[in-house]
Amino acid sequence: MRQLILDIRPEAAPGFDNFLAGANAELIASLRGHAAGEGEPVVYLWGEAGVGKSHLLAAWRAATGAVAGRPLPDDPVARLAVDDVDSLDGDDQIRLFNQINAARDGGGRVLASGPLPPARLAIRADLATRLAQGLVFRVQPLSDADKAAALAIRAEARGLRLPEDVLRYLLTHSRRDLPRLLATVDALDDWSLSRKRPVSVALLREILQGPMPPDGR
């Protein structure tokens, strides 16, 4: 059996141990080594929204104490995490380019992410080349079995019994990225308690047809 998430309670901070790896086991192992200062100094993650790129960057920042945010620092830093590189303005693209060069020359670490492989990003050509010269990983989407396991653990952490027919309906009719699915389980629990109604497909249908709970990347 593939390694499953150990703790995805709503209050759990992002970490490598509470990321549902699915087909991303090699990626997680590489990020752990990268955080420890091993191997290639620059790693770039790409994938569609909702696959967990932001979670992984937050886990890496927690492990390394990396600098993050906008604008990027002008002076070289030992550890830098940059999410959504495609949204960087021209000045920050230059700063990231310089940070990557400094990391390669001085033993620093850079972790960056975006929605597409470096060559397909709408960014400076020299920055795309620098990102492509590092390790590049696609964050693979989870299988339905992985998502079902994550949802069951989330429900159990909230003391919620999630019937099989409700789980199947959720995976079939909701938007399928994991943050939205987890947020829907949270909303289902809250709605059930506030309305004093048991968890059912009918109750889930009401939630899915109303304003959707907030989600993340």
N, C-alpha and C. Protein backbone atom coordinates (compact mmCIF):
# COMPACT_ATOMS: atom_id res chain seq x y z
N MET A 1 0.85 -1.20 0.00
CA MET A 1 0.00 0.00 0.00
C MET A 1 0.88 1.24 0.00
N ARG A 2 0.50 2.24 -0.79
CA ARG A 2 1.26 3.49 -0.80
C ARG A 2 1.14 4.20 0.54
N GLN A 3 2.17 4.95 0.86
CA GLN A 3 2.17 5.69 2.12
C GLN A 3 1.01 6.68 2.14
N LEU A 4 0.25 6.67 3.23
CA LEU A 4 -0.88 7.56 3.36
C LEU A 4 -0.57 8.66 4.35
N ILE A 5 -1.37 9.68 4.28
CA ILE A 5 -1.22 10.83 5.17
C ILE A 5 -1.37 10.38 6.62
N LEU A 6 -0.59 10.94 7.52
CA LEU A 6 -0.65 10.58 8.93
C LEU A 6 -1.53 11.53 9.73
N ASP A 7 -1.56 12.79 9.35
CA ASP A 7 -2.32 13.77 10.13
C ASP A 7 -2.72 14.92 9.21
N ILE A 8 -3.98 14.93 8.80
CA ILE A 8 -4.47 16.04 7.98
C ILE A 8 -5.60 16.75 8.72
N ARG A 9 -5.48 16.82 10.04
CA ARG A 9 -6.46 17.59 10.80
C ARG A 9 -6.45 19.03 10.31
N PRO A 10 -7.61 19.71 10.41
CA PRO A 10 -7.67 21.08 9.90
C PRO A 10 -6.62 22.00 10.48
N GLU A 11 -6.22 21.77 11.75
CA GLU A 11 -5.28 22.69 12.38
C GLU A 11 -3.82 22.32 12.14
N ALA A 12 -3.57 21.19 11.47
CA ALA A 12 -2.20 20.75 11.28
C ALA A 12 -1.46 21.67 10.30
N ALA A 13 -0.27 22.12 10.71
CA ALA A 13 0.54 22.96 9.83
C ALA A 13 1.10 22.11 8.69
N PRO A 14 1.30 22.69 7.51
CA PRO A 14 1.85 21.92 6.39
C PRO A 14 3.22 21.35 6.72
N GLY A 15 3.40 20.09 6.44
CA GLY A 15 4.69 19.42 6.65
C GLY A 15 4.84 18.30 5.65
N PHE A 16 6.04 17.75 5.54
CA PHE A 16 6.24 16.61 4.65
C PHE A 16 5.50 15.38 5.16
N ASP A 17 5.37 15.25 6.49
CA ASP A 17 4.75 14.07 7.06
C ASP A 17 3.23 14.05 6.91
N ASN A 18 2.62 15.21 6.70
CA ASN A 18 1.16 15.21 6.55
C ASN A 18 0.73 15.57 5.13
N PHE A 19 1.62 15.30 4.18
CA PHE A 19 1.28 15.43 2.77
C PHE A 19 1.00 14.05 2.22
N LEU A 20 -0.16 13.88 1.59
CA LEU A 20 -0.52 12.59 1.01
C LEU A 20 0.28 12.41 -0.27
N ALA A 21 1.29 11.53 -0.23
CA ALA A 21 2.26 11.46 -1.31
C ALA A 21 1.68 10.89 -2.60
N GLY A 22 0.88 9.83 -2.51
CA GLY A 22 0.39 9.21 -3.73
C GLY A 22 1.54 8.81 -4.63
N ALA A 23 1.53 9.34 -5.86
CA ALA A 23 2.59 9.03 -6.83
C ALA A 23 3.79 9.96 -6.70
N ASN A 24 3.85 10.75 -5.63
CA ASN A 24 4.91 11.76 -5.47
C ASN A 24 5.97 11.38 -4.44
N ALA A 25 6.14 10.08 -4.19
CA ALA A 25 7.09 9.65 -3.16
C ALA A 25 8.51 10.10 -3.48
N GLU A 26 8.92 9.98 -4.74
CA GLU A 26 10.27 10.40 -5.12
C GLU A 26 10.45 11.90 -4.92
N LEU A 27 9.43 12.67 -5.25
CA LEU A 27 9.47 14.11 -5.05
C LEU A 27 9.65 14.46 -3.58
N ILE A 28 8.88 13.81 -2.70
CA ILE A 28 8.99 14.11 -1.27
C ILE A 28 10.38 13.77 -0.75
N ALA A 29 10.92 12.65 -1.18
CA ALA A 29 12.26 12.26 -0.75
C ALA A 29 13.29 13.29 -1.23
N SER A 30 13.13 13.78 -2.44
CA SER A 30 14.05 14.78 -2.97
C SER A 30 13.96 16.09 -2.20
N LEU A 31 12.74 16.49 -1.86
CA LEU A 31 12.57 17.74 -1.11
C LEU A 31 13.16 17.63 0.29
N ARG A 32 13.04 16.48 0.91
CA ARG A 32 13.67 16.30 2.23
C ARG A 32 15.18 16.45 2.12
N GLY A 33 15.76 15.82 1.10
CA GLY A 33 17.19 15.96 0.90
C GLY A 33 17.59 17.38 0.55
N HIS A 34 16.80 18.02 -0.27
CA HIS A 34 17.06 19.41 -0.64
C HIS A 34 17.04 20.30 0.59
N ALA A 35 16.06 20.10 1.47
CA ALA A 35 15.97 20.89 2.70
C ALA A 35 17.18 20.66 3.60
N ALA A 36 17.76 19.47 3.52
CA ALA A 36 18.94 19.14 4.33
C ALA A 36 20.24 19.59 3.69
N GLY A 37 20.17 20.24 2.52
CA GLY A 37 21.36 20.74 1.86
C GLY A 37 22.02 19.77 0.91
N GLU A 38 21.29 18.72 0.52
CA GLU A 38 21.86 17.71 -0.36
C GLU A 38 21.54 18.01 -1.82
N GLY A 39 22.45 17.62 -2.71
CA GLY A 39 22.18 17.60 -4.14
C GLY A 39 22.03 18.96 -4.78
N GLU A 40 21.22 18.99 -5.82
CA GLU A 40 21.00 20.16 -6.66
C GLU A 40 20.46 21.34 -5.83
N PRO A 41 21.04 22.54 -5.96
CA PRO A 41 20.59 23.67 -5.14
C PRO A 41 19.24 24.25 -5.54
N VAL A 42 18.78 24.02 -6.77
CA VAL A 42 17.54 24.62 -7.24
C VAL A 42 16.54 23.51 -7.61
N VAL A 43 15.35 23.61 -7.05
CA VAL A 43 14.27 22.66 -7.37
C VAL A 43 13.04 23.46 -7.78
N TYR A 44 12.40 23.01 -8.84
CA TYR A 44 11.18 23.66 -9.34
C TYR A 44 10.06 22.64 -9.39
N LEU A 45 8.91 23.00 -8.81
CA LEU A 45 7.72 22.15 -8.81
C LEU A 45 6.66 22.76 -9.72
N TRP A 46 5.98 21.93 -10.49
CA TRP A 46 4.89 22.45 -11.29
C TRP A 46 3.72 21.48 -11.27
N GLY A 47 2.55 22.01 -11.55
CA GLY A 47 1.34 21.20 -11.58
C GLY A 47 0.12 22.08 -11.50
N GLU A 48 -1.02 21.48 -11.73
CA GLU A 48 -2.28 22.21 -11.73
C GLU A 48 -2.64 22.68 -10.32
N ALA A 49 -3.58 23.60 -10.23
CA ALA A 49 -4.03 24.09 -8.93
C ALA A 49 -4.63 22.94 -8.13
N GLY A 50 -4.34 22.93 -6.82
CA GLY A 50 -4.94 21.95 -5.93
C GLY A 50 -4.15 20.67 -5.73
N VAL A 51 -2.97 20.53 -6.37
CA VAL A 51 -2.20 19.30 -6.20
C VAL A 51 -1.26 19.35 -5.01
N GLY A 52 -1.09 20.52 -4.38
CA GLY A 52 -0.30 20.59 -3.16
C GLY A 52 1.02 21.33 -3.26
N LYS A 53 1.22 22.11 -4.31
CA LYS A 53 2.50 22.83 -4.44
C LYS A 53 2.72 23.79 -3.27
N SER A 54 1.70 24.55 -2.91
CA SER A 54 1.85 25.51 -1.81
C SER A 54 2.11 24.80 -0.49
N HIS A 55 1.45 23.66 -0.27
CA HIS A 55 1.70 22.86 0.94
C HIS A 55 3.17 22.46 1.00
N LEU A 56 3.71 22.00 -0.12
CA LEU A 56 5.10 21.54 -0.12
C LEU A 56 6.07 22.69 0.09
N LEU A 57 5.79 23.85 -0.49
CA LEU A 57 6.66 25.00 -0.24
C LEU A 57 6.60 25.41 1.22
N ALA A 58 5.41 25.37 1.81
CA ALA A 58 5.29 25.72 3.23
C ALA A 58 6.02 24.71 4.10
N ALA A 59 5.95 23.43 3.75
CA ALA A 59 6.67 22.40 4.50
C ALA A 59 8.17 22.61 4.40
N TRP A 60 8.64 22.95 3.20
CA TRP A 60 10.07 23.20 2.99
C TRP A 60 10.52 24.43 3.76
N ARG A 61 9.71 25.49 3.76
CA ARG A 61 10.06 26.69 4.54
C ARG A 61 10.15 26.36 6.03
N ALA A 62 9.21 25.53 6.52
CA ALA A 62 9.24 25.16 7.93
C ALA A 62 10.50 24.36 8.27
N ALA A 63 10.95 23.55 7.33
CA ALA A 63 12.14 22.72 7.56
C ALA A 63 13.44 23.50 7.45
N THR A 64 13.43 24.61 6.70
CA THR A 64 14.69 25.31 6.39
C THR A 64 14.76 26.72 6.95
N GLY A 65 13.62 27.27 7.38
CA GLY A 65 13.61 28.68 7.77
C GLY A 65 13.78 29.61 6.59
N ALA A 66 13.33 29.19 5.41
CA ALA A 66 13.55 29.95 4.19
C ALA A 66 12.78 31.27 4.18
N VAL A 67 13.31 32.22 3.44
CA VAL A 67 12.65 33.49 3.17
C VAL A 67 11.61 33.27 2.09
N ALA A 68 10.46 33.96 2.21
CA ALA A 68 9.42 33.87 1.20
C ALA A 68 8.69 35.20 1.13
N GLY A 69 7.90 35.39 0.08
CA GLY A 69 7.06 36.58 0.00
C GLY A 69 7.49 37.53 -1.10
N ARG A 70 6.74 38.60 -1.24
CA ARG A 70 6.97 39.62 -2.25
C ARG A 70 7.21 40.96 -1.57
N PRO A 71 8.10 41.82 -2.06
CA PRO A 71 9.05 41.52 -3.13
C PRO A 71 10.15 40.58 -2.64
N LEU A 72 10.83 39.97 -3.56
CA LEU A 72 11.94 39.10 -3.20
C LEU A 72 13.11 39.94 -2.71
N PRO A 73 13.97 39.35 -1.87
CA PRO A 73 15.11 40.11 -1.34
C PRO A 73 16.10 40.49 -2.43
N ASP A 74 16.68 41.67 -2.29
CA ASP A 74 17.72 42.11 -3.23
C ASP A 74 19.03 41.39 -3.01
N ASP A 75 19.36 41.15 -1.74
CA ASP A 75 20.64 40.51 -1.40
C ASP A 75 20.46 39.00 -1.30
N PRO A 76 21.51 38.23 -1.60
CA PRO A 76 21.41 36.77 -1.53
C PRO A 76 21.03 36.28 -0.14
N VAL A 77 20.17 35.27 -0.09
CA VAL A 77 19.79 34.62 1.17
C VAL A 77 20.13 33.15 1.06
N ALA A 78 20.29 32.50 2.21
CA ALA A 78 20.70 31.10 2.20
C ALA A 78 19.61 30.18 1.69
N ARG A 79 18.34 30.50 2.00
CA ARG A 79 17.22 29.66 1.61
C ARG A 79 16.10 30.57 1.11
N LEU A 80 15.55 30.25 -0.06
CA LEU A 80 14.49 31.07 -0.64
C LEU A 80 13.42 30.17 -1.23
N ALA A 81 12.15 30.45 -0.89
CA ALA A 81 11.00 29.73 -1.45
C ALA A 81 10.13 30.72 -2.20
N VAL A 82 9.80 30.39 -3.44
CA VAL A 82 9.01 31.29 -4.28
C VAL A 82 7.87 30.52 -4.94
N ASP A 83 6.65 30.82 -4.53
CA ASP A 83 5.47 30.20 -5.11
C ASP A 83 4.99 31.04 -6.29
N ASP A 84 4.35 30.39 -7.24
CA ASP A 84 3.72 31.09 -8.37
C ASP A 84 4.71 32.01 -9.10
N VAL A 85 5.78 31.45 -9.60
CA VAL A 85 6.78 32.29 -10.27
C VAL A 85 6.23 33.01 -11.48
N ASP A 86 5.15 32.46 -12.06
CA ASP A 86 4.56 33.11 -13.22
C ASP A 86 3.90 34.44 -12.88
N SER A 87 3.66 34.70 -11.58
CA SER A 87 3.04 35.96 -11.15
C SER A 87 4.07 37.01 -10.75
N LEU A 88 5.36 36.70 -10.82
CA LEU A 88 6.39 37.66 -10.44
C LEU A 88 6.45 38.81 -11.45
N ASP A 89 6.61 40.02 -10.94
CA ASP A 89 6.80 41.14 -11.85
C ASP A 89 8.24 41.13 -12.38
N GLY A 90 8.55 42.06 -13.27
CA GLY A 90 9.86 42.07 -13.90
C GLY A 90 11.00 42.19 -12.92
N ASP A 91 10.85 43.04 -11.91
CA ASP A 91 11.93 43.23 -10.93
C ASP A 91 12.15 41.96 -10.11
N ASP A 92 11.06 41.31 -9.70
CA ASP A 92 11.21 40.09 -8.91
C ASP A 92 11.77 38.95 -9.76
N GLN A 93 11.48 38.93 -11.04
CA GLN A 93 12.08 37.92 -11.89
C GLN A 93 13.60 38.08 -11.94
N ILE A 94 14.06 39.32 -12.00
CA ILE A 94 15.50 39.57 -11.98
C ILE A 94 16.09 39.15 -10.63
N ARG A 95 15.38 39.48 -9.54
CA ARG A 95 15.86 39.09 -8.21
C ARG A 95 15.96 37.57 -8.09
N LEU A 96 14.95 36.86 -8.60
CA LEU A 96 15.00 35.40 -8.52
C LEU A 96 16.14 34.85 -9.36
N PHE A 97 16.34 35.40 -10.53
CA PHE A 97 17.47 34.98 -11.38
C PHE A 97 18.79 35.15 -10.61
N ASN A 98 18.96 36.29 -9.96
CA ASN A 98 20.19 36.54 -9.20
C ASN A 98 20.31 35.62 -8.00
N GLN A 99 19.18 35.33 -7.33
CA GLN A 99 19.20 34.43 -6.18
C GLN A 99 19.61 33.02 -6.61
N ILE A 100 19.13 32.58 -7.76
CA ILE A 100 19.51 31.26 -8.25
C ILE A 100 21.01 31.21 -8.55
N ASN A 101 21.52 32.23 -9.18
CA ASN A 101 22.97 32.27 -9.46
C ASN A 101 23.77 32.26 -8.16
N ALA A 102 23.30 33.03 -7.17
CA ALA A 102 24.01 33.07 -5.89
C ALA A 102 23.95 31.72 -5.19
N ALA A 103 22.81 31.03 -5.28
CA ALA A 103 22.68 29.71 -4.66
C ALA A 103 23.66 28.73 -5.29
N ARG A 104 23.79 28.78 -6.61
CA ARG A 104 24.71 27.88 -7.28
C ARG A 104 26.16 28.18 -6.94
N ASP A 105 26.47 29.45 -6.77
CA ASP A 105 27.85 29.84 -6.49
C ASP A 105 28.22 29.66 -5.02
N GLY A 106 27.22 29.82 -4.13
CA GLY A 106 27.54 29.86 -2.72
C GLY A 106 26.90 28.81 -1.85
N GLY A 107 26.29 27.80 -2.44
CA GLY A 107 25.74 26.72 -1.64
C GLY A 107 24.36 26.98 -1.07
N GLY A 108 23.64 27.98 -1.60
CA GLY A 108 22.30 28.25 -1.13
C GLY A 108 21.29 27.26 -1.69
N ARG A 109 20.03 27.48 -1.32
CA ARG A 109 18.93 26.62 -1.77
C ARG A 109 17.79 27.50 -2.26
N VAL A 110 17.21 27.11 -3.39
CA VAL A 110 16.01 27.79 -3.92
C VAL A 110 14.98 26.73 -4.27
N LEU A 111 13.76 26.93 -3.79
CA LEU A 111 12.62 26.10 -4.17
C LEU A 111 11.57 27.02 -4.77
N ALA A 112 11.12 26.70 -5.97
CA ALA A 112 10.15 27.54 -6.67
C ALA A 112 9.05 26.66 -7.24
N SER A 113 7.91 27.29 -7.56
CA SER A 113 6.81 26.53 -8.14
C SER A 113 6.05 27.38 -9.14
N GLY A 114 5.31 26.69 -9.99
CA GLY A 114 4.47 27.35 -10.97
C GLY A 114 3.50 26.36 -11.58
N PRO A 115 2.62 26.81 -12.46
CA PRO A 115 1.60 25.93 -13.03
C PRO A 115 2.08 25.10 -14.21
N LEU A 116 3.22 25.46 -14.79
CA LEU A 116 3.70 24.84 -16.02
C LEU A 116 5.19 24.56 -15.93
N PRO A 117 5.73 23.71 -16.81
CA PRO A 117 7.18 23.54 -16.85
C PRO A 117 7.86 24.86 -17.18
N PRO A 118 9.13 25.02 -16.80
CA PRO A 118 9.80 26.31 -17.00
C PRO A 118 9.72 26.85 -18.42
N ALA A 119 9.90 26.00 -19.41
CA ALA A 119 9.93 26.47 -20.79
C ALA A 119 8.59 27.02 -21.26
N ARG A 120 7.50 26.70 -20.55
CA ARG A 120 6.18 27.14 -20.97
C ARG A 120 5.66 28.31 -20.13
N LEU A 121 6.46 28.79 -19.19
CA LEU A 121 6.04 29.91 -18.36
C LEU A 121 6.23 31.23 -19.11
N ALA A 122 5.34 32.17 -18.86
CA ALA A 122 5.46 33.50 -19.46
C ALA A 122 6.36 34.37 -18.57
N ILE A 123 7.65 34.03 -18.55
CA ILE A 123 8.64 34.75 -17.75
C ILE A 123 9.87 34.99 -18.61
N ARG A 124 10.84 35.72 -18.07
CA ARG A 124 12.08 35.98 -18.79
C ARG A 124 12.71 34.66 -19.24
N ALA A 125 13.25 34.65 -20.45
CA ALA A 125 13.86 33.43 -20.99
C ALA A 125 15.04 32.97 -20.14
N ASP A 126 15.85 33.93 -19.64
CA ASP A 126 17.02 33.53 -18.85
C ASP A 126 16.60 32.91 -17.52
N LEU A 127 15.50 33.41 -16.92
CA LEU A 127 15.02 32.82 -15.68
C LEU A 127 14.44 31.43 -15.94
N ALA A 128 13.69 31.26 -17.02
CA ALA A 128 13.16 29.94 -17.37
C ALA A 128 14.29 28.94 -17.55
N THR A 129 15.38 29.38 -18.18
CA THR A 129 16.53 28.49 -18.39
C THR A 129 17.16 28.09 -17.07
N ARG A 130 17.31 29.07 -16.15
CA ARG A 130 17.90 28.76 -14.84
C ARG A 130 17.03 27.76 -14.07
N LEU A 131 15.72 27.95 -14.10
CA LEU A 131 14.83 27.02 -13.39
C LEU A 131 14.93 25.62 -14.00
N ALA A 132 15.01 25.55 -15.32
CA ALA A 132 15.07 24.25 -15.99
C ALA A 132 16.39 23.54 -15.74
N GLN A 133 17.43 24.27 -15.37
CA GLN A 133 18.73 23.65 -15.12
C GLN A 133 18.77 22.93 -13.77
N GLY A 134 17.82 23.22 -12.90
CA GLY A 134 17.73 22.51 -11.63
C GLY A 134 16.92 21.24 -11.76
N LEU A 135 16.52 20.69 -10.63
CA LEU A 135 15.61 19.54 -10.63
C LEU A 135 14.19 20.06 -10.87
N VAL A 136 13.49 19.44 -11.80
CA VAL A 136 12.12 19.84 -12.12
C VAL A 136 11.20 18.64 -11.89
N PHE A 137 10.17 18.85 -11.06
CA PHE A 137 9.22 17.79 -10.75
C PHE A 137 7.81 18.25 -11.05
N ARG A 138 7.04 17.39 -11.66
CA ARG A 138 5.61 17.62 -11.72
C ARG A 138 4.97 17.01 -10.48
N VAL A 139 4.16 17.79 -9.76
CA VAL A 139 3.41 17.27 -8.62
C VAL A 139 2.19 16.55 -9.19
N GLN A 140 2.18 15.23 -9.04
CA GLN A 140 1.15 14.42 -9.67
C GLN A 140 -0.17 14.50 -8.90
N PRO A 141 -1.28 14.59 -9.62
CA PRO A 141 -2.58 14.56 -8.94
C PRO A 141 -2.79 13.24 -8.22
N LEU A 142 -3.63 13.26 -7.20
CA LEU A 142 -3.93 12.05 -6.45
C LEU A 142 -4.95 11.19 -7.19
N SER A 143 -4.87 9.89 -6.96
CA SER A 143 -5.88 8.98 -7.47
C SER A 143 -7.15 9.10 -6.62
N ASP A 144 -8.25 8.57 -7.13
CA ASP A 144 -9.49 8.58 -6.36
C ASP A 144 -9.34 7.80 -5.05
N ALA A 145 -8.56 6.72 -5.09
CA ALA A 145 -8.36 5.93 -3.86
C ALA A 145 -7.61 6.74 -2.82
N ASP A 146 -6.59 7.51 -3.25
CA ASP A 146 -5.85 8.36 -2.33
C ASP A 146 -6.77 9.45 -1.75
N LYS A 147 -7.59 10.05 -2.61
CA LYS A 147 -8.50 11.09 -2.14
C LYS A 147 -9.50 10.53 -1.14
N ALA A 148 -10.03 9.35 -1.43
CA ALA A 148 -10.98 8.73 -0.51
C ALA A 148 -10.34 8.48 0.85
N ALA A 149 -9.07 8.02 0.84
CA ALA A 149 -8.37 7.79 2.10
C ALA A 149 -8.18 9.09 2.87
N ALA A 150 -7.80 10.16 2.16
CA ALA A 150 -7.61 11.46 2.81
C ALA A 150 -8.90 11.98 3.40
N LEU A 151 -10.00 11.84 2.67
CA LEU A 151 -11.29 12.33 3.15
C LEU A 151 -11.75 11.54 4.37
N ALA A 152 -11.52 10.22 4.36
CA ALA A 152 -11.91 9.40 5.50
C ALA A 152 -11.13 9.79 6.75
N ILE A 153 -9.83 10.08 6.58
CA ILE A 153 -9.01 10.48 7.73
C ILE A 153 -9.43 11.86 8.23
N ARG A 154 -9.74 12.77 7.30
CA ARG A 154 -10.21 14.10 7.71
C ARG A 154 -11.50 13.98 8.50
N ALA A 155 -12.43 13.17 8.02
CA ALA A 155 -13.70 12.98 8.73
C ALA A 155 -13.47 12.38 10.11
N GLU A 156 -12.61 11.38 10.19
CA GLU A 156 -12.32 10.74 11.48
C GLU A 156 -11.71 11.73 12.46
N ALA A 157 -10.83 12.61 11.96
CA ALA A 157 -10.20 13.60 12.84
C ALA A 157 -11.24 14.56 13.42
N ARG A 158 -12.34 14.78 12.72
CA ARG A 158 -13.41 15.66 13.20
C ARG A 158 -14.48 14.90 13.95
N GLY A 159 -14.31 13.58 14.12
CA GLY A 159 -15.32 12.78 14.79
C GLY A 159 -16.55 12.57 13.93
N LEU A 160 -16.37 12.59 12.62
CA LEU A 160 -17.49 12.50 11.69
C LEU A 160 -17.48 11.14 11.00
N ARG A 161 -18.64 10.50 10.97
CA ARG A 161 -18.76 9.26 10.20
C ARG A 161 -19.19 9.61 8.79
N LEU A 162 -18.40 9.20 7.81
CA LEU A 162 -18.65 9.54 6.42
C LEU A 162 -19.11 8.28 5.69
N PRO A 163 -20.41 8.14 5.48
CA PRO A 163 -20.91 6.92 4.82
C PRO A 163 -20.33 6.75 3.43
N GLU A 164 -20.26 5.50 2.97
CA GLU A 164 -19.68 5.21 1.67
C GLU A 164 -20.42 5.91 0.54
N ASP A 165 -21.76 5.96 0.62
CA ASP A 165 -22.50 6.59 -0.48
C ASP A 165 -22.23 8.10 -0.52
N VAL A 166 -22.02 8.71 0.65
CA VAL A 166 -21.68 10.14 0.68
C VAL A 166 -20.29 10.37 0.10
N LEU A 167 -19.36 9.51 0.44
CA LEU A 167 -18.00 9.63 -0.09
C LEU A 167 -18.00 9.48 -1.61
N ARG A 168 -18.72 8.50 -2.11
CA ARG A 168 -18.78 8.30 -3.56
C ARG A 168 -19.41 9.51 -4.26
N TYR A 169 -20.48 10.03 -3.67
CA TYR A 169 -21.16 11.18 -4.28
C TYR A 169 -20.23 12.40 -4.31
N LEU A 170 -19.50 12.59 -3.21
CA LEU A 170 -18.58 13.73 -3.13
C LEU A 170 -17.51 13.65 -4.21
N LEU A 171 -16.92 12.47 -4.38
CA LEU A 171 -15.86 12.30 -5.38
C LEU A 171 -16.39 12.42 -6.80
N THR A 172 -17.67 12.14 -6.98
CA THR A 172 -18.26 12.17 -8.32
C THR A 172 -18.76 13.56 -8.71
N HIS A 173 -19.27 14.33 -7.73
CA HIS A 173 -20.00 15.55 -8.06
C HIS A 173 -19.31 16.84 -7.62
N SER A 174 -18.29 16.76 -6.79
CA SER A 174 -17.59 17.96 -6.35
C SER A 174 -16.40 18.22 -7.26
N ARG A 175 -15.89 19.47 -7.22
CA ARG A 175 -14.60 19.73 -7.86
C ARG A 175 -13.57 18.84 -7.19
N ARG A 176 -12.64 18.29 -7.95
CA ARG A 176 -11.91 17.13 -7.49
C ARG A 176 -10.54 17.41 -6.89
N ASP A 177 -10.12 18.68 -6.77
CA ASP A 177 -8.84 18.92 -6.12
C ASP A 177 -8.99 18.70 -4.62
N LEU A 178 -7.93 18.22 -3.98
CA LEU A 178 -8.02 17.79 -2.58
C LEU A 178 -8.38 18.93 -1.63
N PRO A 179 -7.82 20.15 -1.75
CA PRO A 179 -8.22 21.21 -0.82
C PRO A 179 -9.72 21.48 -0.83
N ARG A 180 -10.34 21.48 -2.03
CA ARG A 180 -11.78 21.70 -2.09
C ARG A 180 -12.54 20.52 -1.47
N LEU A 181 -12.09 19.31 -1.73
CA LEU A 181 -12.76 18.14 -1.15
C LEU A 181 -12.69 18.15 0.38
N LEU A 182 -11.50 18.48 0.92
CA LEU A 182 -11.35 18.53 2.37
C LEU A 182 -12.22 19.64 2.98
N ALA A 183 -12.25 20.80 2.30
CA ALA A 183 -13.08 21.90 2.78
C ALA A 183 -14.55 21.51 2.76
N THR A 184 -14.96 20.71 1.79
CA THR A 184 -16.35 20.28 1.72
C THR A 184 -16.69 19.32 2.86
N VAL A 185 -15.76 18.44 3.21
CA VAL A 185 -15.98 17.58 4.38
C VAL A 185 -16.15 18.42 5.64
N ASP A 186 -15.31 19.45 5.80
CA ASP A 186 -15.45 20.34 6.96
C ASP A 186 -16.82 21.01 6.97
N ALA A 187 -17.24 21.50 5.79
CA ALA A 187 -18.54 22.16 5.70
C ALA A 187 -19.67 21.18 5.97
N LEU A 188 -19.52 19.96 5.50
CA LEU A 188 -20.54 18.94 5.75
C LEU A 188 -20.69 18.66 7.24
N ASP A 189 -19.58 18.57 7.95
CA ASP A 189 -19.62 18.37 9.39
C ASP A 189 -20.30 19.55 10.09
N ASP A 190 -19.90 20.77 9.74
CA ASP A 190 -20.49 21.96 10.37
C ASP A 190 -21.99 22.06 10.07
N TRP A 191 -22.35 21.78 8.83
CA TRP A 191 -23.76 21.88 8.42
C TRP A 191 -24.60 20.83 9.15
N SER A 192 -24.05 19.63 9.28
CA SER A 192 -24.76 18.56 9.99
C SER A 192 -25.00 18.93 11.45
N LEU A 193 -23.98 19.48 12.10
CA LEU A 193 -24.13 19.86 13.51
C LEU A 193 -25.09 21.03 13.69
N SER A 194 -24.95 22.04 12.83
CA SER A 194 -25.79 23.23 12.99
C SER A 194 -27.25 22.94 12.68
N ARG A 195 -27.51 22.02 11.74
CA ARG A 195 -28.89 21.69 11.36
C ARG A 195 -29.44 20.50 12.14
N LYS A 196 -28.56 19.87 12.94
CA LYS A 196 -28.95 18.67 13.70
C LYS A 196 -29.53 17.60 12.77
N ARG A 197 -28.84 17.41 11.65
CA ARG A 197 -29.24 16.41 10.67
C ARG A 197 -28.09 15.45 10.43
N PRO A 198 -28.39 14.17 10.19
CA PRO A 198 -27.31 13.21 9.93
C PRO A 198 -26.65 13.48 8.59
N VAL A 199 -25.40 13.06 8.49
CA VAL A 199 -24.67 13.20 7.23
C VAL A 199 -25.29 12.25 6.20
N SER A 200 -25.66 12.81 5.06
CA SER A 200 -26.32 12.02 4.03
C SER A 200 -26.02 12.64 2.67
N VAL A 201 -26.37 11.90 1.61
CA VAL A 201 -26.21 12.44 0.27
C VAL A 201 -27.08 13.67 0.08
N ALA A 202 -28.28 13.65 0.64
CA ALA A 202 -29.17 14.81 0.51
C ALA A 202 -28.56 16.05 1.15
N LEU A 203 -27.95 15.89 2.32
CA LEU A 203 -27.31 17.02 2.98
C LEU A 203 -26.11 17.51 2.18
N LEU A 204 -25.32 16.58 1.68
CA LEU A 204 -24.17 16.96 0.86
C LEU A 204 -24.63 17.69 -0.40
N ARG A 205 -25.71 17.23 -1.01
CA ARG A 205 -26.22 17.87 -2.22
C ARG A 205 -26.59 19.32 -1.95
N GLU A 206 -27.18 19.59 -0.78
CA GLU A 206 -27.52 20.97 -0.42
C GLU A 206 -26.27 21.85 -0.37
N ILE A 207 -25.19 21.32 0.19
CA ILE A 207 -23.94 22.09 0.29
C ILE A 207 -23.35 22.34 -1.09
N LEU A 208 -23.32 21.31 -1.91
CA LEU A 208 -22.72 21.45 -3.24
C LEU A 208 -23.51 22.39 -4.14
N GLN A 209 -24.81 22.51 -3.90
CA GLN A 209 -25.63 23.39 -4.71
C GLN A 209 -25.64 24.83 -4.19
N GLY A 210 -25.11 25.04 -2.97
CA GLY A 210 -25.04 26.37 -2.39
C GLY A 210 -23.65 26.96 -2.57
N PRO A 211 -23.35 28.07 -1.87
CA PRO A 211 -22.01 28.67 -1.94
C PRO A 211 -20.97 27.66 -1.47
N MET A 212 -19.93 27.48 -2.27
CA MET A 212 -18.92 26.49 -1.95
C MET A 212 -17.98 26.99 -0.86
N PRO A 213 -17.46 26.09 0.01
CA PRO A 213 -16.49 26.50 1.02
C PRO A 213 -15.21 26.97 0.36
N PRO A 214 -14.44 27.82 1.04
CA PRO A 214 -13.17 28.28 0.46
C PRO A 214 -12.21 27.13 0.28
N ASP A 215 -11.31 27.28 -0.67
CA ASP A 215 -10.33 26.23 -0.92
C ASP A 215 -8.97 26.85 -1.05
N GLY A 216 -7.92 26.03 -1.19
CA GLY A 216 -6.56 26.49 -1.37
C GLY A 216 -5.90 25.78 -2.52
N ARG A 217 -4.46 26.03 -2.81
CA ARG A 217 -3.74 25.38 -3.87
C ARG A 217 -3.02 24.23 -3.25
